N, C-alpha and C. Protein backbone atom coordinates (compact mmCIF):
# COMPACT_ATOMS: atom_id res chain seq x y z
N MET A 1 0.84 -1.18 0.00
CA MET A 1 0.00 0.00 0.00
C MET A 1 0.89 1.25 0.00
N LYS A 2 0.58 2.15 -0.89
CA LYS A 2 1.37 3.38 -1.04
C LYS A 2 1.08 4.33 0.11
N PRO A 3 2.11 4.97 0.68
CA PRO A 3 1.87 5.90 1.79
C PRO A 3 1.14 7.15 1.32
N THR A 4 0.40 7.76 2.23
CA THR A 4 -0.26 9.03 1.92
C THR A 4 0.83 10.09 1.77
N PRO A 5 0.52 11.24 1.15
CA PRO A 5 1.54 12.30 1.03
C PRO A 5 2.11 12.70 2.40
N LYS A 6 1.25 12.74 3.41
CA LYS A 6 1.70 13.11 4.75
C LYS A 6 2.69 12.06 5.29
N GLN A 7 2.36 10.77 5.12
CA GLN A 7 3.24 9.69 5.56
C GLN A 7 4.55 9.72 4.77
N ALA A 8 4.45 9.97 3.47
CA ALA A 8 5.64 10.02 2.63
C ALA A 8 6.57 11.13 3.09
N LEU A 9 6.01 12.26 3.45
CA LEU A 9 6.82 13.37 3.93
C LEU A 9 7.51 13.00 5.24
N ARG A 10 6.77 12.39 6.15
CA ARG A 10 7.36 11.96 7.42
C ARG A 10 8.49 10.96 7.20
N GLU A 11 8.29 10.03 6.26
CA GLU A 11 9.31 9.01 5.97
C GLU A 11 10.61 9.62 5.47
N THR A 12 10.54 10.79 4.87
CA THR A 12 11.76 11.46 4.38
C THR A 12 12.45 12.24 5.49
N GLY A 13 11.80 12.29 6.67
CA GLY A 13 12.39 13.00 7.79
C GLY A 13 12.04 14.46 7.84
N VAL A 14 11.12 14.90 6.97
CA VAL A 14 10.70 16.30 6.96
C VAL A 14 9.57 16.47 7.98
N ARG A 15 9.70 17.49 8.79
CA ARG A 15 8.70 17.77 9.82
C ARG A 15 7.39 18.19 9.16
N VAL A 16 6.28 17.65 9.64
CA VAL A 16 4.97 18.01 9.12
C VAL A 16 4.38 19.09 10.01
N THR A 17 4.51 20.32 9.58
CA THR A 17 4.00 21.46 10.33
C THR A 17 2.53 21.66 10.02
N ARG A 18 1.88 22.51 10.79
CA ARG A 18 0.47 22.82 10.58
C ARG A 18 0.26 23.38 9.16
N GLN A 19 1.19 24.25 8.73
CA GLN A 19 1.06 24.86 7.41
C GLN A 19 1.26 23.82 6.29
N ARG A 20 2.24 22.94 6.46
CA ARG A 20 2.47 21.89 5.46
C ARG A 20 1.28 20.95 5.40
N GLU A 21 0.72 20.66 6.57
CA GLU A 21 -0.44 19.79 6.62
C GLU A 21 -1.64 20.42 5.90
N ALA A 22 -1.85 21.72 6.08
CA ALA A 22 -2.94 22.42 5.40
C ALA A 22 -2.75 22.38 3.89
N LEU A 23 -1.52 22.63 3.45
CA LEU A 23 -1.22 22.60 2.02
C LEU A 23 -1.40 21.20 1.43
N LEU A 24 -0.94 20.18 2.16
CA LEU A 24 -1.11 18.80 1.70
C LEU A 24 -2.59 18.42 1.61
N LYS A 25 -3.37 18.86 2.57
CA LYS A 25 -4.80 18.57 2.55
C LYS A 25 -5.45 19.18 1.31
N VAL A 26 -5.13 20.44 1.04
CA VAL A 26 -5.70 21.10 -0.14
C VAL A 26 -5.26 20.39 -1.41
N LEU A 27 -3.98 20.06 -1.52
CA LEU A 27 -3.48 19.38 -2.72
C LEU A 27 -4.13 18.00 -2.88
N THR A 28 -4.24 17.27 -1.80
CA THR A 28 -4.81 15.92 -1.86
C THR A 28 -6.28 15.96 -2.29
N GLU A 29 -6.99 16.98 -1.86
CA GLU A 29 -8.42 17.08 -2.18
C GLU A 29 -8.70 17.79 -3.49
N SER A 30 -7.68 18.38 -4.11
CA SER A 30 -7.87 19.12 -5.35
C SER A 30 -8.17 18.18 -6.51
N GLU A 31 -9.17 18.55 -7.27
CA GLU A 31 -9.49 17.79 -8.48
C GLU A 31 -8.91 18.48 -9.71
N ASP A 32 -8.30 19.63 -9.49
CA ASP A 32 -7.68 20.37 -10.58
C ASP A 32 -6.18 20.46 -10.32
N HIS A 33 -5.51 21.33 -11.00
CA HIS A 33 -4.07 21.52 -10.86
C HIS A 33 -3.81 22.97 -10.49
N PRO A 34 -3.97 23.30 -9.21
CA PRO A 34 -3.86 24.71 -8.81
C PRO A 34 -2.44 25.25 -8.86
N ASP A 35 -2.34 26.57 -9.07
CA ASP A 35 -1.05 27.23 -8.98
C ASP A 35 -0.83 27.63 -7.52
N ALA A 36 0.32 28.22 -7.22
CA ALA A 36 0.67 28.56 -5.84
C ALA A 36 -0.32 29.55 -5.24
N ALA A 37 -0.73 30.54 -6.01
CA ALA A 37 -1.67 31.54 -5.49
C ALA A 37 -3.01 30.91 -5.12
N GLU A 38 -3.49 30.00 -5.96
CA GLU A 38 -4.75 29.33 -5.68
C GLU A 38 -4.61 28.39 -4.48
N LEU A 39 -3.48 27.71 -4.38
CA LEU A 39 -3.23 26.86 -3.21
C LEU A 39 -3.22 27.70 -1.94
N HIS A 40 -2.61 28.87 -2.01
CA HIS A 40 -2.56 29.78 -0.87
C HIS A 40 -3.98 30.19 -0.47
N ARG A 41 -4.78 30.56 -1.45
CA ARG A 41 -6.15 30.98 -1.17
C ARG A 41 -6.93 29.86 -0.49
N ARG A 42 -6.83 28.65 -1.01
CA ARG A 42 -7.58 27.52 -0.46
C ARG A 42 -7.05 27.12 0.92
N ALA A 43 -5.74 27.09 1.09
CA ALA A 43 -5.15 26.64 2.35
C ALA A 43 -5.39 27.63 3.48
N ARG A 44 -5.54 28.89 3.14
CA ARG A 44 -5.80 29.90 4.19
C ARG A 44 -7.15 29.68 4.88
N THR A 45 -8.05 28.95 4.24
CA THR A 45 -9.32 28.62 4.91
C THR A 45 -9.08 27.61 6.03
N LEU A 46 -7.97 26.89 5.97
CA LEU A 46 -7.61 25.92 7.01
C LEU A 46 -6.65 26.50 8.03
N ASP A 47 -5.80 27.41 7.57
CA ASP A 47 -4.80 28.02 8.46
C ASP A 47 -4.56 29.45 7.97
N ASP A 48 -5.18 30.40 8.62
CA ASP A 48 -5.09 31.79 8.13
C ASP A 48 -3.75 32.44 8.40
N SER A 49 -2.82 31.73 9.06
CA SER A 49 -1.47 32.28 9.27
C SER A 49 -0.55 31.97 8.09
N LEU A 50 -1.04 31.21 7.13
CA LEU A 50 -0.22 30.77 5.99
C LEU A 50 0.04 31.93 5.03
N SER A 51 1.31 32.22 4.77
CA SER A 51 1.66 33.28 3.83
C SER A 51 1.98 32.67 2.46
N LEU A 52 1.94 33.50 1.44
CA LEU A 52 2.28 33.03 0.09
C LEU A 52 3.74 32.57 0.04
N ALA A 53 4.61 33.27 0.74
CA ALA A 53 6.03 32.87 0.78
C ALA A 53 6.18 31.47 1.39
N THR A 54 5.40 31.17 2.42
CA THR A 54 5.44 29.84 3.03
C THR A 54 4.94 28.79 2.05
N VAL A 55 3.92 29.13 1.27
CA VAL A 55 3.40 28.20 0.27
C VAL A 55 4.51 27.86 -0.72
N TYR A 56 5.22 28.87 -1.23
CA TYR A 56 6.29 28.62 -2.19
C TYR A 56 7.41 27.78 -1.57
N ARG A 57 7.81 28.10 -0.35
CA ARG A 57 8.86 27.33 0.33
C ARG A 57 8.41 25.89 0.54
N THR A 58 7.17 25.73 0.98
CA THR A 58 6.64 24.39 1.24
C THR A 58 6.52 23.59 -0.04
N LEU A 59 6.06 24.21 -1.12
CA LEU A 59 5.97 23.51 -2.40
C LEU A 59 7.34 23.04 -2.86
N SER A 60 8.34 23.86 -2.63
CA SER A 60 9.71 23.49 -2.99
C SER A 60 10.16 22.25 -2.21
N VAL A 61 9.88 22.22 -0.92
CA VAL A 61 10.23 21.07 -0.08
C VAL A 61 9.45 19.83 -0.54
N LEU A 62 8.15 20.00 -0.75
CA LEU A 62 7.31 18.87 -1.16
C LEU A 62 7.75 18.31 -2.51
N GLU A 63 8.13 19.19 -3.41
CA GLU A 63 8.62 18.75 -4.73
C GLU A 63 9.95 18.02 -4.58
N ARG A 64 10.86 18.60 -3.82
CA ARG A 64 12.18 17.98 -3.61
C ARG A 64 12.05 16.58 -3.01
N GLU A 65 11.09 16.39 -2.12
CA GLU A 65 10.90 15.11 -1.45
C GLU A 65 10.04 14.14 -2.25
N GLY A 66 9.59 14.57 -3.43
CA GLY A 66 8.82 13.69 -4.30
C GLY A 66 7.38 13.50 -3.90
N VAL A 67 6.86 14.37 -3.04
CA VAL A 67 5.49 14.27 -2.57
C VAL A 67 4.54 15.00 -3.52
N VAL A 68 5.06 16.04 -4.18
CA VAL A 68 4.27 16.86 -5.09
C VAL A 68 4.99 16.94 -6.43
N LEU A 69 4.19 16.94 -7.49
CA LEU A 69 4.75 17.14 -8.83
C LEU A 69 4.42 18.55 -9.28
N ARG A 70 5.42 19.19 -9.86
CA ARG A 70 5.27 20.54 -10.40
C ARG A 70 5.14 20.42 -11.90
N LEU A 71 4.06 20.95 -12.43
CA LEU A 71 3.88 20.99 -13.88
C LEU A 71 4.34 22.36 -14.34
N ALA A 72 5.51 22.41 -14.94
CA ALA A 72 6.06 23.67 -15.44
C ALA A 72 5.52 23.87 -16.85
N LEU A 73 4.54 24.71 -16.98
CA LEU A 73 3.87 24.88 -18.26
C LEU A 73 4.58 25.88 -19.15
N GLU A 74 4.36 25.75 -20.45
CA GLU A 74 5.04 26.59 -21.43
C GLU A 74 4.80 28.08 -21.22
N ASN A 75 3.63 28.42 -20.70
CA ASN A 75 3.33 29.84 -20.52
C ASN A 75 4.05 30.44 -19.32
N GLY A 76 4.92 29.66 -18.70
CA GLY A 76 5.70 30.15 -17.57
C GLY A 76 5.07 29.88 -16.23
N GLY A 77 3.81 29.48 -16.23
CA GLY A 77 3.13 29.18 -14.98
C GLY A 77 3.47 27.79 -14.50
N ALA A 78 3.28 27.57 -13.22
CA ALA A 78 3.48 26.24 -12.65
C ALA A 78 2.20 25.84 -11.93
N ARG A 79 1.83 24.61 -12.11
CA ARG A 79 0.67 24.03 -11.43
C ARG A 79 1.17 22.82 -10.65
N TYR A 80 0.39 22.39 -9.68
CA TYR A 80 0.85 21.34 -8.78
C TYR A 80 -0.19 20.24 -8.63
N GLU A 81 0.33 19.02 -8.38
CA GLU A 81 -0.53 17.89 -8.06
C GLU A 81 0.24 16.94 -7.15
N VAL A 82 -0.50 16.14 -6.40
CA VAL A 82 0.11 15.17 -5.50
C VAL A 82 0.74 14.07 -6.34
N ALA A 83 1.90 13.60 -5.92
CA ALA A 83 2.65 12.63 -6.71
C ALA A 83 2.16 11.20 -6.54
N ASP A 84 1.15 10.96 -5.71
CA ASP A 84 0.73 9.58 -5.47
C ASP A 84 -0.30 9.06 -6.47
N ALA A 85 -0.69 9.89 -7.42
CA ALA A 85 -1.67 9.46 -8.43
C ALA A 85 -1.00 8.50 -9.41
N PRO A 86 -1.77 7.59 -10.00
CA PRO A 86 -1.21 6.72 -11.04
C PRO A 86 -0.70 7.57 -12.21
N HIS A 87 0.28 7.03 -12.95
CA HIS A 87 0.86 7.78 -14.06
C HIS A 87 -0.22 8.23 -15.03
N HIS A 88 -0.09 9.47 -15.48
CA HIS A 88 -0.99 10.02 -16.48
C HIS A 88 -0.27 11.17 -17.19
N ASP A 89 -0.83 11.59 -18.29
CA ASP A 89 -0.30 12.72 -19.05
C ASP A 89 -1.33 13.85 -19.01
N HIS A 90 -1.00 14.97 -19.62
CA HIS A 90 -1.85 16.15 -19.52
C HIS A 90 -2.10 16.80 -20.88
N ILE A 91 -3.31 17.31 -21.04
CA ILE A 91 -3.65 18.20 -22.14
C ILE A 91 -3.87 19.57 -21.51
N VAL A 92 -3.18 20.58 -22.01
CA VAL A 92 -3.32 21.94 -21.52
C VAL A 92 -4.07 22.74 -22.57
N ASP A 93 -5.23 23.27 -22.20
CA ASP A 93 -6.01 24.10 -23.11
C ASP A 93 -5.37 25.48 -23.15
N LEU A 94 -4.86 25.87 -24.30
CA LEU A 94 -4.15 27.14 -24.43
C LEU A 94 -5.05 28.36 -24.24
N ASP A 95 -6.34 28.20 -24.46
CA ASP A 95 -7.24 29.35 -24.33
C ASP A 95 -7.76 29.53 -22.91
N THR A 96 -8.01 28.41 -22.20
CA THR A 96 -8.60 28.51 -20.86
C THR A 96 -7.61 28.18 -19.75
N GLY A 97 -6.50 27.52 -20.08
CA GLY A 97 -5.56 27.09 -19.06
C GLY A 97 -5.98 25.82 -18.35
N GLN A 98 -7.14 25.28 -18.71
CA GLN A 98 -7.62 24.05 -18.08
C GLN A 98 -6.68 22.90 -18.40
N ILE A 99 -6.44 22.06 -17.41
CA ILE A 99 -5.57 20.89 -17.59
C ILE A 99 -6.43 19.64 -17.46
N THR A 100 -6.36 18.78 -18.47
CA THR A 100 -7.10 17.53 -18.47
C THR A 100 -6.11 16.38 -18.40
N GLU A 101 -6.34 15.48 -17.46
CA GLU A 101 -5.48 14.29 -17.35
C GLU A 101 -5.99 13.20 -18.28
N PHE A 102 -5.07 12.44 -18.84
CA PHE A 102 -5.46 11.29 -19.66
C PHE A 102 -4.39 10.23 -19.58
N ARG A 103 -4.76 9.03 -19.94
CA ARG A 103 -3.82 7.91 -20.01
C ARG A 103 -4.14 7.13 -21.28
N SER A 104 -3.09 6.82 -22.04
CA SER A 104 -3.25 6.04 -23.26
C SER A 104 -2.20 4.94 -23.28
N GLU A 105 -2.65 3.71 -23.21
CA GLU A 105 -1.72 2.59 -23.25
C GLU A 105 -1.01 2.54 -24.61
N LYS A 106 -1.67 2.98 -25.68
CA LYS A 106 -1.03 3.02 -27.01
C LYS A 106 0.20 3.93 -26.97
N ILE A 107 0.03 5.11 -26.38
CA ILE A 107 1.14 6.06 -26.30
C ILE A 107 2.25 5.51 -25.41
N GLU A 108 1.88 4.92 -24.28
CA GLU A 108 2.87 4.35 -23.37
C GLU A 108 3.68 3.26 -24.07
N GLN A 109 2.99 2.39 -24.81
CA GLN A 109 3.67 1.30 -25.52
C GLN A 109 4.60 1.86 -26.60
N LEU A 110 4.13 2.84 -27.34
CA LEU A 110 4.95 3.45 -28.39
C LEU A 110 6.21 4.09 -27.80
N GLN A 111 6.08 4.75 -26.66
CA GLN A 111 7.24 5.35 -26.01
C GLN A 111 8.25 4.28 -25.60
N ARG A 112 7.75 3.17 -25.04
CA ARG A 112 8.65 2.07 -24.66
C ARG A 112 9.37 1.50 -25.89
N GLU A 113 8.64 1.35 -26.99
CA GLU A 113 9.23 0.80 -28.22
C GLU A 113 10.30 1.74 -28.76
N ILE A 114 10.01 3.03 -28.79
CA ILE A 114 10.98 4.00 -29.31
C ILE A 114 12.23 4.00 -28.45
N ALA A 115 12.05 4.04 -27.14
CA ALA A 115 13.20 4.03 -26.23
C ALA A 115 14.03 2.76 -26.44
N ALA A 116 13.37 1.61 -26.55
CA ALA A 116 14.08 0.34 -26.74
C ALA A 116 14.84 0.32 -28.06
N GLU A 117 14.22 0.81 -29.14
CA GLU A 117 14.88 0.86 -30.44
C GLU A 117 16.15 1.70 -30.39
N LEU A 118 16.15 2.72 -29.54
CA LEU A 118 17.31 3.59 -29.40
C LEU A 118 18.25 3.13 -28.29
N GLY A 119 17.93 1.98 -27.67
CA GLY A 119 18.80 1.40 -26.67
C GLY A 119 18.60 1.93 -25.25
N TYR A 120 17.39 2.36 -24.93
CA TYR A 120 17.11 2.93 -23.62
C TYR A 120 15.97 2.22 -22.92
N ASP A 121 15.96 2.31 -21.60
CA ASP A 121 14.81 1.96 -20.76
C ASP A 121 14.27 3.26 -20.20
N ILE A 122 12.97 3.43 -20.25
CA ILE A 122 12.36 4.64 -19.70
C ILE A 122 12.35 4.54 -18.18
N ILE A 123 12.89 5.54 -17.53
CA ILE A 123 12.88 5.61 -16.07
C ILE A 123 11.71 6.48 -15.61
N HIS A 124 11.51 7.56 -16.31
CA HIS A 124 10.43 8.50 -15.99
C HIS A 124 10.15 9.31 -17.24
N HIS A 125 8.92 9.71 -17.41
CA HIS A 125 8.61 10.62 -18.50
C HIS A 125 7.36 11.41 -18.16
N ARG A 126 7.20 12.49 -18.88
CA ARG A 126 6.05 13.37 -18.73
C ARG A 126 5.65 13.85 -20.10
N MET A 127 4.37 13.88 -20.36
CA MET A 127 3.93 14.41 -21.64
C MET A 127 2.82 15.43 -21.40
N GLU A 128 2.97 16.57 -22.03
CA GLU A 128 1.95 17.60 -22.00
C GLU A 128 1.63 17.98 -23.43
N LEU A 129 0.37 17.92 -23.77
CA LEU A 129 -0.07 18.34 -25.08
C LEU A 129 -0.72 19.71 -24.93
N TYR A 130 -0.27 20.68 -25.69
CA TYR A 130 -0.82 22.04 -25.65
C TYR A 130 -1.79 22.16 -26.80
N CYS A 131 -3.07 22.35 -26.48
CA CYS A 131 -4.12 22.23 -27.48
C CYS A 131 -5.12 23.38 -27.45
N ARG A 132 -5.88 23.46 -28.51
CA ARG A 132 -7.05 24.36 -28.60
C ARG A 132 -8.23 23.48 -29.00
N LYS A 133 -9.38 23.78 -28.43
CA LYS A 133 -10.61 23.06 -28.78
C LYS A 133 -10.91 23.29 -30.25
N LYS A 134 -11.37 22.24 -30.91
CA LYS A 134 -11.79 22.37 -32.30
C LYS A 134 -13.04 23.22 -32.36
N THR A 135 -13.11 24.05 -33.39
CA THR A 135 -14.32 24.90 -33.54
C THR A 135 -15.23 24.37 -34.61
């Protein structure tokens, strides 16, 4: 059984503070991919002492410890999600900024085949498709 983000953080030896716990709760319950400002807004409902600077510092720690994934988008923005979700890729809507998760076994198989043909084993990968809705 995979540890929760809170357990994973404890296992790395990082102290779980009230502010980190609030941020983890918001991230774990998020169905979208919030940016730091949105995480700050949501987490302040749980802990009103949380500053935006603390959110950025905490996100950095959570990312370094592998608890959170940072989606560095082409437009320069960063969005976040908990790292305990099953592997998936993302479609980024260029007009709305909405991020849609998807998984395609065809794409995964093709990536493995390409890597093998070139003499590699895939250790990790990420795919983001930047799209516009068809009109």
